[in-house]
mmCIF file of all heavy atoms, coordinates in Angstrom:
data_MODEL
# 
_entry.id   MODEL 
# 
loop_
_atom_site.group_PDB 
_atom_site.id 
_atom_site.type_symbol 
_atom_site.label_atom_id 
_atom_site.label_alt_id 
_atom_site.label_comp_id 
_atom_site.label_asym_id 
_atom_site.label_entity_id 
_atom_site.label_seq_id 
_atom_site.pdbx_PDB_ins_code 
_atom_site.Cartn_x 
_atom_site.Cartn_y 
_atom_site.Cartn_z 
_atom_site.occupancy 
_atom_site.B_iso_or_equiv 
_atom_site.pdbx_formal_charge 
_atom_site.auth_seq_id 
_atom_site.auth_comp_id 
_atom_site.auth_asym_id 
_atom_site.auth_atom_id 
_atom_site.pdbx_PDB_model_num 
ATOM 1   N N   . LEU A 1 1  ? -6.722  4.626   6.547   1.00 0.00 ? 1  LEU A N   1 
ATOM 2   C CA  . LEU A 1 1  ? -5.429  3.979   6.778   1.00 0.00 ? 1  LEU A CA  1 
ATOM 3   C C   . LEU A 1 1  ? -4.375  4.689   5.938   1.00 0.00 ? 1  LEU A C   1 
ATOM 4   O O   . LEU A 1 1  ? -4.418  4.635   4.699   1.00 0.00 ? 1  LEU A O   1 
ATOM 5   C CB  . LEU A 1 1  ? -5.484  2.499   6.385   1.00 0.00 ? 1  LEU A CB  1 
ATOM 6   C CG  . LEU A 1 1  ? -6.362  1.626   7.262   1.00 0.00 ? 1  LEU A CG  1 
ATOM 7   C CD1 . LEU A 1 1  ? -7.733  1.482   6.640   1.00 0.00 ? 1  LEU A CD1 1 
ATOM 8   C CD2 . LEU A 1 1  ? -5.723  0.283   7.447   1.00 0.00 ? 1  LEU A CD2 1 
ATOM 9   N N   . GLU A 1 2  ? -3.466  5.378   6.602   1.00 0.00 ? 2  GLU A N   1 
ATOM 10  C CA  . GLU A 1 2  ? -2.407  6.135   5.935   1.00 0.00 ? 2  GLU A CA  1 
ATOM 11  C C   . GLU A 1 2  ? -1.259  5.182   5.619   1.00 0.00 ? 2  GLU A C   1 
ATOM 12  O O   . GLU A 1 2  ? -0.696  4.565   6.519   1.00 0.00 ? 2  GLU A O   1 
ATOM 13  C CB  . GLU A 1 2  ? -1.944  7.269   6.827   1.00 0.00 ? 2  GLU A CB  1 
ATOM 14  C CG  . GLU A 1 2  ? -3.063  8.226   7.205   1.00 0.00 ? 2  GLU A CG  1 
ATOM 15  C CD  . GLU A 1 2  ? -2.618  9.328   8.144   1.00 0.00 ? 2  GLU A CD  1 
ATOM 16  O OE1 . GLU A 1 2  ? -1.408  9.636   8.199   1.00 0.00 ? 2  GLU A OE1 1 
ATOM 17  O OE2 . GLU A 1 2  ? -3.492  9.899   8.831   1.00 0.00 ? 2  GLU A OE2 1 
ATOM 18  N N   . CYS A 1 3  ? -0.919  5.061   4.329   1.00 0.00 ? 3  CYS A N   1 
ATOM 19  C CA  . CYS A 1 3  ? -0.007  4.013   3.877   1.00 0.00 ? 3  CYS A CA  1 
ATOM 20  C C   . CYS A 1 3  ? 1.209   4.564   3.140   1.00 0.00 ? 3  CYS A C   1 
ATOM 21  O O   . CYS A 1 3  ? 1.094   5.489   2.336   1.00 0.00 ? 3  CYS A O   1 
ATOM 22  C CB  . CYS A 1 3  ? -0.752  3.064   2.943   1.00 0.00 ? 3  CYS A CB  1 
ATOM 23  S SG  . CYS A 1 3  ? -2.238  2.337   3.685   1.00 0.00 ? 3  CYS A SG  1 
ATOM 24  N N   . ARG A 1 4  ? 2.369   3.930   3.409   1.00 0.00 ? 4  ARG A N   1 
ATOM 25  C CA  . ARG A 1 4  ? 3.612   4.236   2.699   1.00 0.00 ? 4  ARG A CA  1 
ATOM 26  C C   . ARG A 1 4  ? 4.039   2.999   1.911   1.00 0.00 ? 4  ARG A C   1 
ATOM 27  O O   . ARG A 1 4  ? 4.206   1.914   2.480   1.00 0.00 ? 4  ARG A O   1 
ATOM 28  C CB  . ARG A 1 4  ? 4.719   4.611   3.672   1.00 0.00 ? 4  ARG A CB  1 
ATOM 29  C CG  . ARG A 1 4  ? 4.571   5.983   4.245   1.00 0.00 ? 4  ARG A CG  1 
ATOM 30  C CD  . ARG A 1 4  ? 5.888   6.441   4.904   1.00 0.00 ? 4  ARG A CD  1 
ATOM 31  N NE  . ARG A 1 4  ? 5.604   7.621   5.679   1.00 0.00 ? 4  ARG A NE  1 
ATOM 32  C CZ  . ARG A 1 4  ? 5.471   7.648   7.005   1.00 0.00 ? 4  ARG A CZ  1 
ATOM 33  N NH1 . ARG A 1 4  ? 5.634   6.538   7.706   1.00 0.00 ? 4  ARG A NH1 1 
ATOM 34  N NH2 . ARG A 1 4  ? 5.214   8.767   7.628   1.00 0.00 ? 4  ARG A NH2 1 
ATOM 35  N N   . VAL A 1 5  ? 4.224   3.172   0.618   1.00 0.00 ? 5  VAL A N   1 
ATOM 36  C CA  . VAL A 1 5  ? 4.589   2.068   -0.273  1.00 0.00 ? 5  VAL A CA  1 
ATOM 37  C C   . VAL A 1 5  ? 5.979   1.547   0.076   1.00 0.00 ? 5  VAL A C   1 
ATOM 38  O O   . VAL A 1 5  ? 6.923   2.321   0.245   1.00 0.00 ? 5  VAL A O   1 
ATOM 39  C CB  . VAL A 1 5  ? 4.546   2.529   -1.747  1.00 0.00 ? 5  VAL A CB  1 
ATOM 40  C CG1 . VAL A 1 5  ? 5.016   1.418   -2.682  1.00 0.00 ? 5  VAL A CG1 1 
ATOM 41  C CG2 . VAL A 1 5  ? 3.146   3.004   -2.123  1.00 0.00 ? 5  VAL A CG2 1 
ATOM 42  N N   . THR A 1 6  ? 6.089   0.232   0.184   1.00 0.00 ? 6  THR A N   1 
ATOM 43  C CA  . THR A 1 6  ? 7.389   -0.402  0.421   1.00 0.00 ? 6  THR A CA  1 
ATOM 44  C C   . THR A 1 6  ? 7.893   -1.147  -0.811  1.00 0.00 ? 6  THR A C   1 
ATOM 45  O O   . THR A 1 6  ? 9.092   -1.333  -0.976  1.00 0.00 ? 6  THR A O   1 
ATOM 46  C CB  . THR A 1 6  ? 7.323   -1.391  1.606   1.00 0.00 ? 6  THR A CB  1 
ATOM 47  O OG1 . THR A 1 6  ? 6.360   -2.408  1.309   1.00 0.00 ? 6  THR A OG1 1 
ATOM 48  C CG2 . THR A 1 6  ? 6.947   -0.674  2.896   1.00 0.00 ? 6  THR A CG2 1 
ATOM 49  N N   . GLU A 1 7  ? 6.948   -1.566  -1.658  1.00 0.00 ? 7  GLU A N   1 
ATOM 50  C CA  . GLU A 1 7  ? 7.335   -2.352  -2.828  1.00 0.00 ? 7  GLU A CA  1 
ATOM 51  C C   . GLU A 1 7  ? 6.196   -2.347  -3.836  1.00 0.00 ? 7  GLU A C   1 
ATOM 52  O O   . GLU A 1 7  ? 5.027   -2.289  -3.451  1.00 0.00 ? 7  GLU A O   1 
ATOM 53  C CB  . GLU A 1 7  ? 7.625   -3.787  -2.383  1.00 0.00 ? 7  GLU A CB  1 
ATOM 54  C CG  . GLU A 1 7  ? 8.200   -4.683  -3.435  1.00 0.00 ? 7  GLU A CG  1 
ATOM 55  C CD  . GLU A 1 7  ? 8.568   -6.066  -2.882  1.00 0.00 ? 7  GLU A CD  1 
ATOM 56  O OE1 . GLU A 1 7  ? 8.504   -6.298  -1.663  1.00 0.00 ? 7  GLU A OE1 1 
ATOM 57  O OE2 . GLU A 1 7  ? 8.900   -6.922  -3.721  1.00 0.00 ? 7  GLU A OE2 1 
ATOM 58  N N   . ILE A 1 8  ? 6.543   -2.399  -5.108  1.00 0.00 ? 8  ILE A N   1 
ATOM 59  C CA  . ILE A 1 8  ? 5.545   -2.521  -6.173  1.00 0.00 ? 8  ILE A CA  1 
ATOM 60  C C   . ILE A 1 8  ? 5.851   -3.805  -6.938  1.00 0.00 ? 8  ILE A C   1 
ATOM 61  O O   . ILE A 1 8  ? 6.962   -3.991  -7.437  1.00 0.00 ? 8  ILE A O   1 
ATOM 62  C CB  . ILE A 1 8  ? 5.582   -1.316  -7.136  1.00 0.00 ? 8  ILE A CB  1 
ATOM 63  C CG1 . ILE A 1 8  ? 5.362   -0.013  -6.376  1.00 0.00 ? 8  ILE A CG1 1 
ATOM 64  C CG2 . ILE A 1 8  ? 4.528   -1.488  -8.244  1.00 0.00 ? 8  ILE A CG2 1 
ATOM 65  C CD1 . ILE A 1 8  ? 5.622   1.241   -7.199  1.00 0.00 ? 8  ILE A CD1 1 
ATOM 66  N N   . LEU A 1 9  ? 4.866   -4.682  -6.979  1.00 0.00 ? 9  LEU A N   1 
ATOM 67  C CA  . LEU A 1 9  ? 5.018   -5.941  -7.701  1.00 0.00 ? 9  LEU A CA  1 
ATOM 68  C C   . LEU A 1 9  ? 4.237   -5.852  -9.005  1.00 0.00 ? 9  LEU A C   1 
ATOM 69  O O   . LEU A 1 9  ? 3.011   -5.698  -8.995  1.00 0.00 ? 9  LEU A O   1 
ATOM 70  C CB  . LEU A 1 9  ? 4.488   -7.111  -6.860  1.00 0.00 ? 9  LEU A CB  1 
ATOM 71  C CG  . LEU A 1 9  ? 5.147   -7.307  -5.498  1.00 0.00 ? 9  LEU A CG  1 
ATOM 72  C CD1 . LEU A 1 9  ? 4.423   -8.386  -4.714  1.00 0.00 ? 9  LEU A CD1 1 
ATOM 73  C CD2 . LEU A 1 9  ? 6.610   -7.668  -5.671  1.00 0.00 ? 9  LEU A CD2 1 
ATOM 74  N N   . GLU A 1 10 ? 4.946   -5.943  -10.134 1.00 0.00 ? 10 GLU A N   1 
ATOM 75  C CA  . GLU A 1 10 ? 4.305   -5.892  -11.450 1.00 0.00 ? 10 GLU A CA  1 
ATOM 76  C C   . GLU A 1 10 ? 3.847   -7.305  -11.788 1.00 0.00 ? 10 GLU A C   1 
ATOM 77  O O   . GLU A 1 10 ? 4.632   -8.150  -12.186 1.00 0.00 ? 10 GLU A O   1 
ATOM 78  C CB  . GLU A 1 10 ? 5.281   -5.333  -12.478 1.00 0.00 ? 10 GLU A CB  1 
ATOM 79  C CG  . GLU A 1 10 ? 5.682   -3.903  -12.157 1.00 0.00 ? 10 GLU A CG  1 
ATOM 80  C CD  . GLU A 1 10 ? 6.608   -3.277  -13.178 1.00 0.00 ? 10 GLU A CD  1 
ATOM 81  O OE1 . GLU A 1 10 ? 6.828   -3.876  -14.259 1.00 0.00 ? 10 GLU A OE1 1 
ATOM 82  O OE2 . GLU A 1 10 ? 7.098   -2.170  -12.909 1.00 0.00 ? 10 GLU A OE2 1 
ATOM 83  N N   . LEU A 1 11 ? 2.549   -7.549  -11.626 1.00 0.00 ? 11 LEU A N   1 
ATOM 84  C CA  . LEU A 1 11 ? 2.027   -8.910  -11.682 1.00 0.00 ? 11 LEU A CA  1 
ATOM 85  C C   . LEU A 1 11 ? 1.330   -9.281  -12.985 1.00 0.00 ? 11 LEU A C   1 
ATOM 86  O O   . LEU A 1 11 ? 1.040   -10.439 -13.208 1.00 0.00 ? 11 LEU A O   1 
ATOM 87  C CB  . LEU A 1 11 ? 1.048   -9.122  -10.516 1.00 0.00 ? 11 LEU A CB  1 
ATOM 88  C CG  . LEU A 1 11 ? 1.660   -8.912  -9.127  1.00 0.00 ? 11 LEU A CG  1 
ATOM 89  C CD1 . LEU A 1 11 ? 0.583   -8.947  -8.058  1.00 0.00 ? 11 LEU A CD1 1 
ATOM 90  C CD2 . LEU A 1 11 ? 2.732   -9.949  -8.854  1.00 0.00 ? 11 LEU A CD2 1 
ATOM 91  N N   . GLY A 1 12 ? 1.022   -8.331  -13.810 1.00 0.00 ? 12 GLY A N   1 
ATOM 92  C CA  . GLY A 1 12 ? 0.246   -8.583  -15.025 1.00 0.00 ? 12 GLY A CA  1 
ATOM 93  C C   . GLY A 1 12 ? -0.682  -7.419  -15.244 1.00 0.00 ? 12 GLY A C   1 
ATOM 94  O O   . GLY A 1 12 ? -0.245  -6.269  -15.291 1.00 0.00 ? 12 GLY A O   1 
ATOM 95  N N   . SER A 1 13 ? -1.980  -7.684  -15.341 1.00 0.00 ? 13 SER A N   1 
ATOM 96  C CA  . SER A 1 13 ? -2.947  -6.606  -15.585 1.00 0.00 ? 13 SER A CA  1 
ATOM 97  C C   . SER A 1 13 ? -2.930  -5.556  -14.471 1.00 0.00 ? 13 SER A C   1 
ATOM 98  O O   . SER A 1 13 ? -3.200  -4.385  -14.691 1.00 0.00 ? 13 SER A O   1 
ATOM 99  C CB  . SER A 1 13 ? -4.367  -7.167  -15.721 1.00 0.00 ? 13 SER A CB  1 
ATOM 100 O OG  . SER A 1 13 ? -4.790  -7.762  -14.500 1.00 0.00 ? 13 SER A OG  1 
ATOM 101 N N   . HIS A 1 14 ? -2.617  -5.982  -13.245 1.00 0.00 ? 14 HIS A N   1 
ATOM 102 C CA  . HIS A 1 14 ? -2.550  -5.092  -12.088 1.00 0.00 ? 14 HIS A CA  1 
ATOM 103 C C   . HIS A 1 14 ? -1.151  -5.160  -11.474 1.00 0.00 ? 14 HIS A C   1 
ATOM 104 O O   . HIS A 1 14 ? -0.507  -6.207  -11.498 1.00 0.00 ? 14 HIS A O   1 
ATOM 105 C CB  . HIS A 1 14 ? -3.570  -5.505  -11.028 1.00 0.00 ? 14 HIS A CB  1 
ATOM 106 C CG  . HIS A 1 14 ? -4.983  -5.253  -11.418 1.00 0.00 ? 14 HIS A CG  1 
ATOM 107 N ND1 . HIS A 1 14 ? -5.624  -5.949  -12.413 1.00 0.00 ? 14 HIS A ND1 1 
ATOM 108 C CD2 . HIS A 1 14 ? -5.888  -4.366  -10.936 1.00 0.00 ? 14 HIS A CD2 1 
ATOM 109 C CE1 . HIS A 1 14 ? -6.867  -5.510  -12.538 1.00 0.00 ? 14 HIS A CE1 1 
ATOM 110 N NE2 . HIS A 1 14 ? -7.060  -4.552  -11.646 1.00 0.00 ? 14 HIS A NE2 1 
ATOM 111 N N   . HIS A 1 15 ? -0.740  -4.035  -10.923 1.00 0.00 ? 15 HIS A N   1 
ATOM 112 C CA  . HIS A 1 15 ? 0.490   -4.001  -10.137 1.00 0.00 ? 15 HIS A CA  1 
ATOM 113 C C   . HIS A 1 15 ? 0.076   -3.834  -8.682  1.00 0.00 ? 15 HIS A C   1 
ATOM 114 O O   . HIS A 1 15 ? -0.804  -3.036  -8.366  1.00 0.00 ? 15 HIS A O   1 
ATOM 115 C CB  . HIS A 1 15 ? 1.386   -2.844  -10.568 1.00 0.00 ? 15 HIS A CB  1 
ATOM 116 C CG  . HIS A 1 15 ? 1.916   -3.001  -11.962 1.00 0.00 ? 15 HIS A CG  1 
ATOM 117 N ND1 . HIS A 1 15 ? 2.758   -2.089  -12.533 1.00 0.00 ? 15 HIS A ND1 1 
ATOM 118 C CD2 . HIS A 1 15 ? 1.729   -3.965  -12.907 1.00 0.00 ? 15 HIS A CD2 1 
ATOM 119 C CE1 . HIS A 1 15 ? 3.073   -2.465  -13.764 1.00 0.00 ? 15 HIS A CE1 1 
ATOM 120 N NE2 . HIS A 1 15 ? 2.446   -3.606  -14.009 1.00 0.00 ? 15 HIS A NE2 1 
ATOM 121 N N   . MET A 1 16 ? 0.714   -4.606  -7.813  1.00 0.00 ? 16 MET A N   1 
ATOM 122 C CA  . MET A 1 16 ? 0.375   -4.568  -6.392  1.00 0.00 ? 16 MET A CA  1 
ATOM 123 C C   . MET A 1 16 ? 1.321   -3.626  -5.651  1.00 0.00 ? 16 MET A C   1 
ATOM 124 O O   . MET A 1 16 ? 2.539   -3.758  -5.734  1.00 0.00 ? 16 MET A O   1 
ATOM 125 C CB  . MET A 1 16 ? 0.470   -5.960  -5.788  1.00 0.00 ? 16 MET A CB  1 
ATOM 126 C CG  . MET A 1 16 ? 0.140   -5.976  -4.293  1.00 0.00 ? 16 MET A CG  1 
ATOM 127 S SD  . MET A 1 16 ? 0.387   -7.607  -3.557  1.00 0.00 ? 16 MET A SD  1 
ATOM 128 C CE  . MET A 1 16 ? -1.055  -8.443  -4.205  1.00 0.00 ? 16 MET A CE  1 
ATOM 129 N N   . PHE A 1 17 ? 0.719   -2.678  -4.937  1.00 0.00 ? 17 PHE A N   1 
ATOM 130 C CA  . PHE A 1 17 ? 1.471   -1.783  -4.074  1.00 0.00 ? 17 PHE A CA  1 
ATOM 131 C C   . PHE A 1 17 ? 1.415   -2.363  -2.661  1.00 0.00 ? 17 PHE A C   1 
ATOM 132 O O   . PHE A 1 17 ? 0.346   -2.375  -2.045  1.00 0.00 ? 17 PHE A O   1 
ATOM 133 C CB  . PHE A 1 17 ? 0.851   -0.381  -4.067  1.00 0.00 ? 17 PHE A CB  1 
ATOM 134 C CG  . PHE A 1 17 ? 1.027   0.372   -5.356  1.00 0.00 ? 17 PHE A CG  1 
ATOM 135 C CD1 . PHE A 1 17 ? 0.139   0.183   -6.400  1.00 0.00 ? 17 PHE A CD1 1 
ATOM 136 C CD2 . PHE A 1 17 ? 2.063   1.279   -5.515  1.00 0.00 ? 17 PHE A CD2 1 
ATOM 137 C CE1 . PHE A 1 17 ? 0.279   0.876   -7.591  1.00 0.00 ? 17 PHE A CE1 1 
ATOM 138 C CE2 . PHE A 1 17 ? 2.214   1.981   -6.709  1.00 0.00 ? 17 PHE A CE2 1 
ATOM 139 C CZ  . PHE A 1 17 ? 1.330   1.779   -7.752  1.00 0.00 ? 17 PHE A CZ  1 
ATOM 140 N N   . LEU A 1 18 ? 2.544   -2.852  -2.166  1.00 0.00 ? 18 LEU A N   1 
ATOM 141 C CA  . LEU A 1 18 ? 2.645   -3.277  -0.774  1.00 0.00 ? 18 LEU A CA  1 
ATOM 142 C C   . LEU A 1 18 ? 2.985   -2.045  0.038   1.00 0.00 ? 18 LEU A C   1 
ATOM 143 O O   . LEU A 1 18 ? 3.829   -1.242  -0.367  1.00 0.00 ? 18 LEU A O   1 
ATOM 144 C CB  . LEU A 1 18 ? 3.728   -4.337  -0.601  1.00 0.00 ? 18 LEU A CB  1 
ATOM 145 C CG  . LEU A 1 18 ? 3.475   -5.670  -1.281  1.00 0.00 ? 18 LEU A CG  1 
ATOM 146 C CD1 . LEU A 1 18 ? 4.701   -6.567  -1.152  1.00 0.00 ? 18 LEU A CD1 1 
ATOM 147 C CD2 . LEU A 1 18 ? 2.268   -6.357  -0.690  1.00 0.00 ? 18 LEU A CD2 1 
ATOM 148 N N   . ALA A 1 19 ? 2.343   -1.893  1.185   1.00 0.00 ? 19 ALA A N   1 
ATOM 149 C CA  . ALA A 1 19 ? 2.549   -0.675  1.961   1.00 0.00 ? 19 ALA A CA  1 
ATOM 150 C C   . ALA A 1 19 ? 2.444   -0.927  3.449   1.00 0.00 ? 19 ALA A C   1 
ATOM 151 O O   . ALA A 1 19 ? 1.656   -1.769  3.893   1.00 0.00 ? 19 ALA A O   1 
ATOM 152 C CB  . ALA A 1 19 ? 1.517   0.377   1.548   1.00 0.00 ? 19 ALA A CB  1 
ATOM 153 N N   . GLU A 1 20 ? 3.248   -0.181  4.203   1.00 0.00 ? 20 GLU A N   1 
ATOM 154 C CA  . GLU A 1 20 ? 3.119   -0.182  5.660   1.00 0.00 ? 20 GLU A CA  1 
ATOM 155 C C   . GLU A 1 20 ? 2.077   0.850   6.047   1.00 0.00 ? 20 GLU A C   1 
ATOM 156 O O   . GLU A 1 20 ? 2.004   1.924   5.451   1.00 0.00 ? 20 GLU A O   1 
ATOM 157 C CB  . GLU A 1 20 ? 4.445   0.173   6.322   1.00 0.00 ? 20 GLU A CB  1 
ATOM 158 C CG  . GLU A 1 20 ? 5.392   -1.006  6.388   1.00 0.00 ? 20 GLU A CG  1 
ATOM 159 C CD  . GLU A 1 20 ? 6.527   -0.791  7.365   1.00 0.00 ? 20 GLU A CD  1 
ATOM 160 O OE1 . GLU A 1 20 ? 6.275   -0.329  8.499   1.00 0.00 ? 20 GLU A OE1 1 
ATOM 161 O OE2 . GLU A 1 20 ? 7.668   -1.095  6.969   1.00 0.00 ? 20 GLU A OE2 1 
ATOM 162 N N   . VAL A 1 21 ? 1.268   0.511   7.031   1.00 0.00 ? 21 VAL A N   1 
ATOM 163 C CA  . VAL A 1 21 ? 0.289   1.448   7.561   1.00 0.00 ? 21 VAL A CA  1 
ATOM 164 C C   . VAL A 1 21 ? 1.034   2.347   8.545   1.00 0.00 ? 21 VAL A C   1 
ATOM 165 O O   . VAL A 1 21 ? 1.534   1.884   9.578   1.00 0.00 ? 21 VAL A O   1 
ATOM 166 C CB  . VAL A 1 21 ? -0.894  0.727   8.234   1.00 0.00 ? 21 VAL A CB  1 
ATOM 167 C CG1 . VAL A 1 21 ? -1.853  1.737   8.845   1.00 0.00 ? 21 VAL A CG1 1 
ATOM 168 C CG2 . VAL A 1 21 ? -1.610  -0.162  7.216   1.00 0.00 ? 21 VAL A CG2 1 
ATOM 169 N N   . ALA A 1 22 ? 1.118   3.633   8.194   1.00 0.00 ? 22 ALA A N   1 
ATOM 170 C CA  . ALA A 1 22 ? 1.858   4.600   9.020   1.00 0.00 ? 22 ALA A CA  1 
ATOM 171 C C   . ALA A 1 22 ? 0.987   5.170   10.128  1.00 0.00 ? 22 ALA A C   1 
ATOM 172 O O   . ALA A 1 22 ? 1.496   5.649   11.137  1.00 0.00 ? 22 ALA A O   1 
ATOM 173 C CB  . ALA A 1 22 ? 2.393   5.727   8.135   1.00 0.00 ? 22 ALA A CB  1 
ATOM 174 N N   . GLY A 1 23 ? -0.326  5.152   9.927   1.00 0.00 ? 23 GLY A N   1 
ATOM 175 C CA  . GLY A 1 23 ? -1.243  5.678   10.923  1.00 0.00 ? 23 GLY A CA  1 
ATOM 176 C C   . GLY A 1 23 ? -2.676  5.400   10.522  1.00 0.00 ? 23 GLY A C   1 
ATOM 177 O O   . GLY A 1 23 ? -2.963  5.104   9.357   1.00 0.00 ? 23 GLY A O   1 
ATOM 178 N N   . VAL A 1 24 ? -3.566  5.470   11.490  1.00 0.00 ? 24 VAL A N   1 
ATOM 179 C CA  . VAL A 1 24 ? -4.992  5.225   11.257  1.00 0.00 ? 24 VAL A CA  1 
ATOM 180 C C   . VAL A 1 24 ? -5.787  6.336   11.921  1.00 0.00 ? 24 VAL A C   1 
ATOM 181 O O   . VAL A 1 24 ? -5.492  6.718   13.060  1.00 0.00 ? 24 VAL A O   1 
ATOM 182 C CB  . VAL A 1 24 ? -5.428  3.853   11.837  1.00 0.00 ? 24 VAL A CB  1 
ATOM 183 C CG1 . VAL A 1 24 ? -6.927  3.633   11.662  1.00 0.00 ? 24 VAL A CG1 1 
ATOM 184 C CG2 . VAL A 1 24 ? -4.638  2.719   11.206  1.00 0.00 ? 24 VAL A CG2 1 
ATOM 185 N N   . GLN A 1 25 ? -6.769  6.855   11.214  1.00 0.00 ? 25 GLN A N   1 
ATOM 186 C CA  . GLN A 1 25 ? -7.708  7.807   11.803  1.00 0.00 ? 25 GLN A CA  1 
ATOM 187 C C   . GLN A 1 25 ? -9.089  7.157   11.789  1.00 0.00 ? 25 GLN A C   1 
ATOM 188 O O   . GLN A 1 25 ? -9.464  6.501   10.816  1.00 0.00 ? 25 GLN A O   1 
ATOM 189 C CB  . GLN A 1 25 ? -7.745  9.117   11.008  1.00 0.00 ? 25 GLN A CB  1 
ATOM 190 C CG  . GLN A 1 25 ? -6.447  9.901   11.078  1.00 0.00 ? 25 GLN A CG  1 
ATOM 191 C CD  . GLN A 1 25 ? -6.565  11.276  10.457  1.00 0.00 ? 25 GLN A CD  1 
ATOM 192 O OE1 . GLN A 1 25 ? -7.536  11.982  10.677  1.00 0.00 ? 25 GLN A OE1 1 
ATOM 193 N NE2 . GLN A 1 25 ? -5.559  11.648  9.676   1.00 0.00 ? 25 GLN A NE2 1 
ATOM 194 N N   . VAL A 1 26 ? -9.833  7.324   12.892  1.00 0.00 ? 26 VAL A N   1 
ATOM 195 C CA  . VAL A 1 26 ? -11.189 6.783   12.992  1.00 0.00 ? 26 VAL A CA  1 
ATOM 196 C C   . VAL A 1 26 ? -12.140 7.892   13.431  1.00 0.00 ? 26 VAL A C   1 
ATOM 197 O O   . VAL A 1 26 ? -11.755 8.788   14.180  1.00 0.00 ? 26 VAL A O   1 
ATOM 198 C CB  . VAL A 1 26 ? -11.286 5.587   13.968  1.00 0.00 ? 26 VAL A CB  1 
ATOM 199 C CG1 . VAL A 1 26 ? -10.417 4.430   13.496  1.00 0.00 ? 26 VAL A CG1 1 
ATOM 200 C CG2 . VAL A 1 26 ? -10.928 5.980   15.375  1.00 0.00 ? 26 VAL A CG2 1 
ATOM 201 N N   . SER A 1 27 ? -13.378 7.814   12.955  1.00 0.00 ? 27 SER A N   1 
ATOM 202 C CA  . SER A 1 27 ? -14.390 8.811   13.297  1.00 0.00 ? 27 SER A CA  1 
ATOM 203 C C   . SER A 1 27 ? -14.886 8.597   14.720  1.00 0.00 ? 27 SER A C   1 
ATOM 204 O O   . SER A 1 27 ? -15.341 7.501   15.066  1.00 0.00 ? 27 SER A O   1 
ATOM 205 C CB  . SER A 1 27 ? -15.579 8.721   12.333  1.00 0.00 ? 27 SER A CB  1 
ATOM 206 O OG  . SER A 1 27 ? -15.155 9.014   11.029  1.00 0.00 ? 27 SER A OG  1 
# 
């Protein structure tokens, strides 16, 4: 799943990268 970050949420121990899926490749 090829992803482009739209937002980073600094939540505490982890930061969440929200991303749109720009494309998908499957075998």
